[in-house]
């Protein structure tokens, strides 16, 4: 996983980068190939905004969260991203299952027709 952190009005720290990497490892399980994550940390007047963009498998996902602490904002953004990926995964598995069911129904209809034609012959 390639991680790129951008800091706006925040002093860059190694521990923030390592925390982002640790939390984003949770997302890495959804992707087979290389994964590119861009994390932008922006200090606002009273809180911190975190924007995460994940590019992988020819898809792009975005998540944004605001919190009064940096770590809380990172956690919220990663949870949003995780929910998005779970929804996408469920949607894709439903499509595959529908396709399999459709193929099985066609196959069952062919078997029934073959049994019916055998009954006519006998």
C-alpha atoms as a PDB file:
ATOM      1  CA  UNK A   1       0.000   0.000   0.000  1.00  0.00           C
ATOM      2  CA  UNK A   2       1.276   3.406  -0.936  1.00  0.00           C
ATOM      3  CA  UNK A   3       0.304   6.096   1.563  1.00  0.00           C
ATOM      4  CA  UNK A   4       0.615   9.801   0.946  1.00  0.00           C
ATOM      5  CA  UNK A   5      -0.153  12.217   3.800  1.00  0.00           C
ATOM      6  CA  UNK A   6      -0.693  15.925   3.257  1.00  0.00           C
ATOM      7  CA  UNK A   7      -0.805  18.326   6.194  1.00  0.00           C
ATOM      8  CA  UNK A   8      -2.449  21.746   6.032  1.00  0.00           C
ATOM      9  CA  UNK A   9      -1.925  24.023   9.011  1.00  0.00           C
ATOM     10  CA  UNK A  10      -0.694  21.000  11.012  1.00  0.00           C
ATOM     11  CA  UNK A  11       2.907  20.186  11.824  1.00  0.00           C
ATOM     12  CA  UNK A  12       3.782  16.804  10.272  1.00  0.00           C
ATOM     13  CA  UNK A  13       4.594  14.098  12.794  1.00  0.00           C
ATOM     14  CA  UNK A  14       5.779  10.565  12.266  1.00  0.00           C
ATOM     15  CA  UNK A  15       3.308   9.174  14.811  1.00  0.00           C
ATOM     16  CA  UNK A  16       0.333  10.594  12.865  1.00  0.00           C
ATOM     17  CA  UNK A  17       1.653   8.985   9.681  1.00  0.00           C
ATOM     18  CA  UNK A  18       2.132   5.635  11.443  1.00  0.00           C
ATOM     19  CA  UNK A  19      -1.352   5.846  12.968  1.00  0.00           C
ATOM     20  CA  UNK A  20      -2.855   6.479   9.510  1.00  0.00           C
ATOM     21  CA  UNK A  21      -0.960   3.509   8.098  1.00  0.00           C
ATOM     22  CA  UNK A  22      -2.080   1.257  10.951  1.00  0.00           C
ATOM     23  CA  UNK A  23      -5.745   2.234  10.560  1.00  0.00           C
ATOM     24  CA  UNK A  24      -5.698   1.997   6.747  1.00  0.00           C
ATOM     25  CA  UNK A  25      -4.383  -1.573   6.881  1.00  0.00           C
ATOM     26  CA  UNK A  26      -7.990  -2.459   7.718  1.00  0.00           C
ATOM     27  CA  UNK A  27      -8.997  -1.215   4.255  1.00  0.00           C
ATOM     28  CA  UNK A  28      -6.171  -2.971   2.418  1.00  0.00           C
ATOM     29  CA  UNK A  29      -7.921  -6.345   2.760  1.00  0.00           C
ATOM     30  CA  UNK A  30     -10.578  -5.266   0.225  1.00  0.00           C
ATOM     31  CA  UNK A  31      -8.090  -4.811  -2.614  1.00  0.00           C
ATOM     32  CA  UNK A  32      -6.075  -7.430  -4.474  1.00  0.00           C
ATOM     33  CA  UNK A  33      -3.667  -5.217  -6.361  1.00  0.00           C
ATOM     34  CA  UNK A  34      -1.684  -2.159  -5.465  1.00  0.00           C
ATOM     35  CA  UNK A  35      -3.479   0.415  -3.412  1.00  0.00           C
ATOM     36  CA  UNK A  36      -2.844   4.153  -3.326  1.00  0.00           C
ATOM     37  CA  UNK A  37      -4.184   6.172  -0.378  1.00  0.00           C
ATOM     38  CA  UNK A  38      -4.122   9.939  -0.079  1.00  0.00           C
ATOM     39  CA  UNK A  39      -4.820  11.344   3.376  1.00  0.00           C
ATOM     40  CA  UNK A  40      -5.250  15.070   3.839  1.00  0.00           C
ATOM     41  CA  UNK A  41      -5.274  16.452   7.383  1.00  0.00           C
ATOM     42  CA  UNK A  42      -6.580  20.015   7.669  1.00  0.00           C
ATOM     43  CA  UNK A  43      -6.660  22.019  10.901  1.00  0.00           C
ATOM     44  CA  UNK A  44      -9.678  24.273  11.129  1.00  0.00           C
ATOM     45  CA  UNK A  45     -10.609  26.764  13.794  1.00  0.00           C
ATOM     46  CA  UNK A  46     -11.870  24.326  16.442  1.00  0.00           C
ATOM     47  CA  UNK A  47     -11.515  20.908  14.888  1.00  0.00           C
ATOM     48  CA  UNK A  48      -9.601  18.780  12.400  1.00  0.00           C
ATOM     49  CA  UNK A  49     -10.881  17.562   9.051  1.00  0.00           C
ATOM     50  CA  UNK A  50      -9.525  14.383   7.483  1.00  0.00           C
ATOM     51  CA  UNK A  51     -10.099  13.510   3.828  1.00  0.00           C
ATOM     52  CA  UNK A  52      -9.182  10.065   2.541  1.00  0.00           C
ATOM     53  CA  UNK A  53      -9.049   9.087  -1.121  1.00  0.00           C
ATOM     54  CA  UNK A  54      -8.379   5.473  -2.024  1.00  0.00           C
ATOM     55  CA  UNK A  55      -7.528   4.414  -5.568  1.00  0.00           C
ATOM     56  CA  UNK A  56      -7.340   0.747  -6.432  1.00  0.00           C
ATOM     57  CA  UNK A  57      -8.728  -1.839  -8.860  1.00  0.00           C
ATOM     58  CA  UNK A  58      -9.857   0.956 -11.215  1.00  0.00           C
ATOM     59  CA  UNK A  59     -12.146   2.408  -8.542  1.00  0.00           C
ATOM     60  CA  UNK A  60     -12.004   5.518  -6.394  1.00  0.00           C
ATOM     61  CA  UNK A  61     -13.451   6.003  -2.938  1.00  0.00           C
ATOM     62  CA  UNK A  62     -13.647   9.158  -0.817  1.00  0.00           C
ATOM     63  CA  UNK A  63     -14.369   9.704   2.863  1.00  0.00           C
ATOM     64  CA  UNK A  64     -14.300  12.827   4.985  1.00  0.00           C
ATOM     65  CA  UNK A  65     -14.665  13.330   8.739  1.00  0.00           C
ATOM     66  CA  UNK A  66     -14.399  16.161  11.218  1.00  0.00           C
ATOM     67  CA  UNK A  67     -13.530  15.770  14.879  1.00  0.00           C
ATOM     68  CA  UNK A  68     -11.927  17.790  17.661  1.00  0.00           C
ATOM     69  CA  UNK A  69      -8.860  15.494  17.710  1.00  0.00           C
ATOM     70  CA  UNK A  70      -6.692  14.249  14.851  1.00  0.00           C
ATOM     71  CA  UNK A  71      -6.956  10.613  15.865  1.00  0.00           C
ATOM     72  CA  UNK A  72     -10.735  10.750  16.243  1.00  0.00           C
ATOM     73  CA  UNK A  73     -11.085  12.276  12.774  1.00  0.00           C
ATOM     74  CA  UNK A  74      -8.841   9.583  11.281  1.00  0.00           C
ATOM     75  CA  UNK A  75     -10.881   6.856  12.991  1.00  0.00           C
ATOM     76  CA  UNK A  76     -14.183   8.274  11.742  1.00  0.00           C
ATOM     77  CA  UNK A  77     -12.939   8.656   8.166  1.00  0.00           C
ATOM     78  CA  UNK A  78     -11.559   5.103   8.097  1.00  0.00           C
ATOM     79  CA  UNK A  79     -14.858   3.743   9.466  1.00  0.00           C
ATOM     80  CA  UNK A  80     -16.773   5.598   6.729  1.00  0.00           C
ATOM     81  CA  UNK A  81     -14.437   4.160   4.116  1.00  0.00           C
ATOM     82  CA  UNK A  82     -14.833   0.674   5.579  1.00  0.00           C
ATOM     83  CA  UNK A  83     -18.654   0.970   5.396  1.00  0.00           C
ATOM     84  CA  UNK A  84     -18.452   2.082   1.750  1.00  0.00           C
ATOM     85  CA  UNK A  85     -16.257  -0.875   0.859  1.00  0.00           C
ATOM     86  CA  UNK A  86     -18.515  -3.325   2.717  1.00  0.00           C
ATOM     87  CA  UNK A  87     -21.548  -2.004   0.810  1.00  0.00           C
ATOM     88  CA  UNK A  88     -19.715  -2.355  -2.503  1.00  0.00           C
ATOM     89  CA  UNK A  89     -18.573  -5.870  -1.629  1.00  0.00           C
ATOM     90  CA  UNK A  90     -22.122  -6.907  -0.660  1.00  0.00           C
ATOM     91  CA  UNK A  91     -23.503  -5.422  -3.851  1.00  0.00           C
ATOM     92  CA  UNK A  92     -20.989  -7.296  -5.996  1.00  0.00           C
ATOM     93  CA  UNK A  93     -21.621 -10.602  -4.202  1.00  0.00           C
ATOM     94  CA  UNK A  94     -25.388 -10.141  -4.690  1.00  0.00           C
ATOM     95  CA  UNK A  95     -24.835  -9.660  -8.411  1.00  0.00           C
ATOM     96  CA  UNK A  96     -22.744 -12.806  -8.611  1.00  0.00           C
ATOM     97  CA  UNK A  97     -25.293 -14.807  -6.624  1.00  0.00           C
ATOM     98  CA  UNK A  98     -28.163 -13.598  -8.831  1.00  0.00           C
ATOM     99  CA  UNK A  99     -26.207 -14.619 -11.911  1.00  0.00           C
ATOM    100  CA  UNK A 100     -25.556 -18.079 -10.439  1.00  0.00           C
ATOM    101  CA  UNK A 101     -29.204 -18.509  -9.459  1.00  0.00           C
ATOM    102  CA  UNK A 102     -30.301 -17.493 -12.947  1.00  0.00           C
ATOM    103  CA  UNK A 103     -27.935 -20.013 -14.525  1.00  0.00           C
ATOM    104  CA  UNK A 104     -29.150 -22.716 -12.134  1.00  0.00           C
ATOM    105  CA  UNK A 105     -32.790 -21.962 -12.958  1.00  0.00           C
ATOM    106  CA  UNK A 106     -32.099 -22.276 -16.676  1.00  0.00           C
ATOM    107  CA  UNK A 107     -30.324 -25.556 -16.041  1.00  0.00           C
ATOM    108  CA  UNK A 108     -33.234 -26.859 -13.915  1.00  0.00           C
ATOM    109  CA  UNK A 109     -35.725 -25.910 -16.624  1.00  0.00           C
ATOM    110  CA  UNK A 110     -33.691 -27.861 -19.174  1.00  0.00           C
ATOM    111  CA  UNK A 111     -33.661 -30.904 -16.885  1.00  0.00           C
ATOM    112  CA  UNK A 112     -37.434 -30.703 -16.365  1.00  0.00           C
ATOM    113  CA  UNK A 113     -38.012 -30.447 -20.115  1.00  0.00           C
ATOM    114  CA  UNK A 114     -35.763 -33.456 -20.722  1.00  0.00           C
ATOM    115  CA  UNK A 115     -37.616 -35.478 -18.044  1.00  0.00           C
ATOM    116  CA  UNK A 116     -40.976 -34.486 -19.519  1.00  0.00           C
ATOM    117  CA  UNK A 117     -39.905 -35.520 -23.016  1.00  0.00           C
ATOM    118  CA  UNK A 118     -38.678 -38.872 -21.623  1.00  0.00           C
ATOM    119  CA  UNK A 119     -42.063 -39.443 -20.009  1.00  0.00           C
ATOM    120  CA  UNK A 120     -43.817 -38.835 -23.336  1.00  0.00           C
ATOM    121  CA  UNK A 121     -41.609 -41.386 -25.060  1.00  0.00           C
ATOM    122  CA  UNK A 122     -42.224 -44.050 -22.410  1.00  0.00           C
END
